[in-house]
Amino acid sequence: MSNRPNVKWFLTNLKTPMPLKEKIFKLFKNNLIKIFTLKNCCGHLGEPGC
């Protein structure tokens, strides 16, 4: 498995069953973690945005 971000994984993680408000919050939170740590993964595998 590569360390590069994958659009397929991103879209699959958005399909997780949870309220829209929580999904959007996790999407932004996890992407901010990736930006500030300069990594391809936020550490929360399976959550939106990771």
PDB file of N, CA and C in Angstrom:
ATOM      1  N   MET A   1       0.843  -1.175   0.000  1.00  0.00           N
ATOM      2  CA  MET A   1       0.000   0.000   0.000  1.00  0.00           C
ATOM      3  C   MET A   1       0.888   1.238   0.000  1.00  0.00           C
ATOM      4  N   SER A   2       0.500   2.232  -0.805  1.00  0.00           N
ATOM      5  CA  SER A   2       1.320   3.433  -0.904  1.00  0.00           C
ATOM      6  C   SER A   2       0.929   4.451   0.168  1.00  0.00           C
ATOM      7  N   ASN A   3       1.804   5.401   0.381  1.00  0.00           N
ATOM      8  CA  ASN A   3       1.554   6.446   1.362  1.00  0.00           C
ATOM      9  C   ASN A   3       0.867   7.655   0.748  1.00  0.00           C
ATOM     10  N   ARG A   4       0.582   7.596  -0.543  1.00  0.00           N
ATOM     11  CA  ARG A   4      -0.041   8.721  -1.223  1.00  0.00           C
ATOM     12  C   ARG A   4      -1.541   8.734  -0.961  1.00  0.00           C
ATOM     13  N   PRO A   5      -2.133   9.922  -0.904  1.00  0.00           N
ATOM     14  CA  PRO A   5      -3.583  10.014  -0.732  1.00  0.00           C
ATOM     15  C   PRO A   5      -4.305   9.368  -1.914  1.00  0.00           C
ATOM     16  N   ASN A   6      -5.451   8.793  -1.657  1.00  0.00           N
ATOM     17  CA  ASN A   6      -6.196   8.086  -2.683  1.00  0.00           C
ATOM     18  C   ASN A   6      -7.639   8.593  -2.673  1.00  0.00           C
ATOM     19  N   VAL A   7      -8.115   9.046  -3.827  1.00  0.00           N
ATOM     20  CA  VAL A   7      -9.472   9.588  -3.929  1.00  0.00           C
ATOM     21  C   VAL A   7     -10.505   8.521  -3.596  1.00  0.00           C
ATOM     22  N   LYS A   8     -10.249   7.282  -3.982  1.00  0.00           N
ATOM     23  CA  LYS A   8     -11.186   6.185  -3.707  1.00  0.00           C
ATOM     24  C   LYS A   8     -11.388   6.022  -2.195  1.00  0.00           C
ATOM     25  N   TRP A   9     -10.309   6.070  -1.423  1.00  0.00           N
ATOM     26  CA  TRP A   9     -10.411   5.944   0.036  1.00  0.00           C
ATOM     27  C   TRP A   9     -11.177   7.124   0.603  1.00  0.00           C
ATOM     28  N   PHE A  10     -10.900   8.334   0.076  1.00  0.00           N
ATOM     29  CA  PHE A  10     -11.566   9.537   0.555  1.00  0.00           C
ATOM     30  C   PHE A  10     -13.079   9.436   0.362  1.00  0.00           C
ATOM     31  N   LEU A  11     -13.504   9.011  -0.823  1.00  0.00           N
ATOM     32  CA  LEU A  11     -14.927   8.900  -1.107  1.00  0.00           C
ATOM     33  C   LEU A  11     -15.575   7.777  -0.306  1.00  0.00           C
ATOM     34  N   THR A  12     -14.863   6.680  -0.100  1.00  0.00           N
ATOM     35  CA  THR A  12     -15.391   5.574   0.696  1.00  0.00           C
ATOM     36  C   THR A  12     -15.598   6.017   2.141  1.00  0.00           C
ATOM     37  N   ASN A  13     -14.674   6.778   2.676  1.00  0.00           N
ATOM     38  CA  ASN A  13     -14.796   7.259   4.052  1.00  0.00           C
ATOM     39  C   ASN A  13     -15.958   8.231   4.215  1.00  0.00           C
ATOM     40  N   LEU A  14     -16.339   8.930   3.151  1.00  0.00           N
ATOM     41  CA  LEU A  14     -17.480   9.846   3.242  1.00  0.00           C
ATOM     42  C   LEU A  14     -18.806   9.103   3.302  1.00  0.00           C
ATOM     43  N   LYS A  15     -18.813   7.833   2.946  1.00  0.00           N
ATOM     44  CA  LYS A  15     -20.041   7.036   2.960  1.00  0.00           C
ATOM     45  C   LYS A  15     -20.331   6.418   4.322  1.00  0.00           C
ATOM     46  N   THR A  16     -19.500   6.668   5.304  1.00  0.00           N
ATOM     47  CA  THR A  16     -19.725   6.089   6.629  1.00  0.00           C
ATOM     48  C   THR A  16     -21.032   6.605   7.218  1.00  0.00           C
ATOM     49  N   PRO A  17     -21.784   5.737   7.885  1.00  0.00           N
ATOM     50  CA  PRO A  17     -23.073   6.163   8.436  1.00  0.00           C
ATOM     51  C   PRO A  17     -22.907   6.983   9.723  1.00  0.00           C
ATOM     52  N   MET A  18     -23.154   8.280   9.614  1.00  0.00           N
ATOM     53  CA  MET A  18     -23.129   9.181  10.763  1.00  0.00           C
ATOM     54  C   MET A  18     -23.871  10.450  10.360  1.00  0.00           C
ATOM     55  N   PRO A  19     -24.291  11.245  11.316  1.00  0.00           N
ATOM     56  CA  PRO A  19     -24.995  12.494  10.984  1.00  0.00           C
ATOM     57  C   PRO A  19     -24.124  13.421  10.126  1.00  0.00           C
ATOM     58  N   LEU A  20     -24.763  14.164   9.237  1.00  0.00           N
ATOM     59  CA  LEU A  20     -24.039  15.045   8.317  1.00  0.00           C
ATOM     60  C   LEU A  20     -23.178  16.062   9.061  1.00  0.00           C
ATOM     61  N   LYS A  21     -23.685  16.627  10.137  1.00  0.00           N
ATOM     62  CA  LYS A  21     -22.940  17.622  10.916  1.00  0.00           C
ATOM     63  C   LYS A  21     -21.635  17.022  11.451  1.00  0.00           C
ATOM     64  N   GLU A  22     -21.708  15.812  11.986  1.00  0.00           N
ATOM     65  CA  GLU A  22     -20.517  15.136  12.523  1.00  0.00           C
ATOM     66  C   GLU A  22     -19.545  14.784  11.394  1.00  0.00           C
ATOM     67  N   LYS A  23     -20.082  14.353  10.265  1.00  0.00           N
ATOM     68  CA  LYS A  23     -19.250  13.978   9.119  1.00  0.00           C
ATOM     69  C   LYS A  23     -18.460  15.181   8.600  1.00  0.00           C
ATOM     70  N   ILE A  24     -19.115  16.341   8.489  1.00  0.00           N
ATOM     71  CA  ILE A  24     -18.444  17.549   8.016  1.00  0.00           C
ATOM     72  C   ILE A  24     -17.395  18.007   9.017  1.00  0.00           C
ATOM     73  N   PHE A  25     -17.708  17.937  10.322  1.00  0.00           N
ATOM     74  CA  PHE A  25     -16.743  18.311  11.358  1.00  0.00           C
ATOM     75  C   PHE A  25     -15.491  17.444  11.271  1.00  0.00           C
ATOM     76  N   LYS A  26     -15.677  16.129  11.159  1.00  0.00           N
ATOM     77  CA  LYS A  26     -14.527  15.216  11.082  1.00  0.00           C
ATOM     78  C   LYS A  26     -13.735  15.429   9.801  1.00  0.00           C
ATOM     79  N   LEU A  27     -14.417  15.748   8.715  1.00  0.00           N
ATOM     80  CA  LEU A  27     -13.747  16.011   7.448  1.00  0.00           C
ATOM     81  C   LEU A  27     -12.778  17.179   7.602  1.00  0.00           C
ATOM     82  N   PHE A  28     -13.248  18.293   8.167  1.00  0.00           N
ATOM     83  CA  PHE A  28     -12.382  19.459   8.367  1.00  0.00           C
ATOM     84  C   PHE A  28     -11.300  19.189   9.403  1.00  0.00           C
ATOM     85  N   LYS A  29     -11.662  18.562  10.512  1.00  0.00           N
ATOM     86  CA  LYS A  29     -10.698  18.291  11.585  1.00  0.00           C
ATOM     87  C   LYS A  29      -9.552  17.414  11.078  1.00  0.00           C
ATOM     88  N   ASN A  30      -9.899  16.326  10.399  1.00  0.00           N
ATOM     89  CA  ASN A  30      -8.868  15.398   9.933  1.00  0.00           C
ATOM     90  C   ASN A  30      -7.984  16.022   8.858  1.00  0.00           C
ATOM     91  N   ASN A  31      -8.557  16.855   7.995  1.00  0.00           N
ATOM     92  CA  ASN A  31      -7.734  17.519   6.985  1.00  0.00           C
ATOM     93  C   ASN A  31      -6.821  18.564   7.604  1.00  0.00           C
ATOM     94  N   LEU A  32      -7.281  19.254   8.634  1.00  0.00           N
ATOM     95  CA  LEU A  32      -6.405  20.200   9.327  1.00  0.00           C
ATOM     96  C   LEU A  32      -5.246  19.484  10.006  1.00  0.00           C
ATOM     97  N   ILE A  33      -5.505  18.331  10.582  1.00  0.00           N
ATOM     98  CA  ILE A  33      -4.438  17.539  11.205  1.00  0.00           C
ATOM     99  C   ILE A  33      -3.394  17.181  10.157  1.00  0.00           C
ATOM    100  N   LYS A  34      -3.849  16.746   8.973  1.00  0.00           N
ATOM    101  CA  LYS A  34      -2.914  16.376   7.903  1.00  0.00           C
ATOM    102  C   LYS A  34      -2.107  17.576   7.432  1.00  0.00           C
ATOM    103  N   ILE A  35      -2.740  18.742   7.362  1.00  0.00           N
ATOM    104  CA  ILE A  35      -2.033  19.946   6.908  1.00  0.00           C
ATOM    105  C   ILE A  35      -0.984  20.379   7.923  1.00  0.00           C
ATOM    106  N   PHE A  36      -1.351  20.428   9.208  1.00  0.00           N
ATOM    107  CA  PHE A  36      -0.420  20.909  10.219  1.00  0.00           C
ATOM    108  C   PHE A  36       0.714  19.936  10.508  1.00  0.00           C
ATOM    109  N   THR A  37       0.476  18.633  10.353  1.00  0.00           N
ATOM    110  CA  THR A  37       1.540  17.659  10.600  1.00  0.00           C
ATOM    111  C   THR A  37       2.320  17.318   9.328  1.00  0.00           C
ATOM    112  N   LEU A  38       1.854  17.848   8.178  1.00  0.00           N
ATOM    113  CA  LEU A  38       2.488  17.592   6.878  1.00  0.00           C
ATOM    114  C   LEU A  38       2.587  16.094   6.582  1.00  0.00           C
ATOM    115  N   LYS A  39       1.537  15.357   6.910  1.00  0.00           N
ATOM    116  CA  LYS A  39       1.484  13.917   6.650  1.00  0.00           C
ATOM    117  C   LYS A  39       0.289  13.608   5.763  1.00  0.00           C
ATOM    118  N   ASN A  40       0.290  12.413   5.178  1.00  0.00           N
ATOM    119  CA  ASN A  40      -0.808  11.985   4.313  1.00  0.00           C
ATOM    120  C   ASN A  40      -1.949  11.359   5.085  1.00  0.00           C
ATOM    121  N   CYS A  41      -1.752  11.094   6.368  1.00  0.00           N
ATOM    122  CA  CYS A  41      -2.793  10.456   7.166  1.00  0.00           C
ATOM    123  C   CYS A  41      -2.926  11.198   8.490  1.00  0.00           C
ATOM    124  N   CYS A  42      -4.172  11.334   8.932  1.00  0.00           N
ATOM    125  CA  CYS A  42      -4.405  12.041  10.193  1.00  0.00           C
ATOM    126  C   CYS A  42      -4.328  11.101  11.394  1.00  0.00           C
ATOM    127  N   GLY A  43      -4.331   9.788  11.140  1.00  0.00           N
ATOM    128  CA  GLY A  43      -4.277   8.817  12.222  1.00  0.00           C
ATOM    129  C   GLY A  43      -5.616   8.259  12.616  1.00  0.00           C
ATOM    130  N   HIS A  44      -6.679   8.709  11.966  1.00  0.00           N
ATOM    131  CA  HIS A  44      -8.036   8.231  12.268  1.00  0.00           C
ATOM    132  C   HIS A  44      -8.576   7.476  11.054  1.00  0.00           C
ATOM    133  N   LEU A  45      -8.003   6.336  10.766  1.00  0.00           N
ATOM    134  CA  LEU A  45      -8.389   5.578   9.591  1.00  0.00           C
ATOM    135  C   LEU A  45      -9.867   5.247   9.594  1.00  0.00           C
ATOM    136  N   GLY A  46     -10.510   5.406   8.450  1.00  0.00           N
ATOM    137  CA  GLY A  46     -11.916   5.103   8.314  1.00  0.00           C
ATOM    138  C   GLY A  46     -12.840   6.274   8.567  1.00  0.00           C
ATOM    139  N   GLU A  47     -12.305   7.376   9.084  1.00  0.00           N
ATOM    140  CA  GLU A  47     -13.125   8.566   9.309  1.00  0.00           C
ATOM    141  C   GLU A  47     -13.093   9.438   8.071  1.00  0.00           C
ATOM    142  N   PRO A  48     -14.121  10.258   7.859  1.00  0.00           N
ATOM    143  CA  PRO A  48     -14.119  11.170   6.730  1.00  0.00           C
ATOM    144  C   PRO A  48     -12.921  12.111   6.771  1.00  0.00           C
ATOM    145  N   GLY A  49     -12.300  12.302   5.626  1.00  0.00           N
ATOM    146  CA  GLY A  49     -11.155  13.182   5.542  1.00  0.00           C
ATOM    147  C   GLY A  49      -9.826  12.506   5.755  1.00  0.00           C
ATOM    148  N   CYS A  50      -9.829  11.249   6.067  1.00  0.00           N
ATOM    149  CA  CYS A  50      -8.571  10.542   6.298  1.00  0.00           C
ATOM    150  C   CYS A  50      -8.273   9.590   5.158  1.00  0.00           C
TER     151      CYS A  50
END
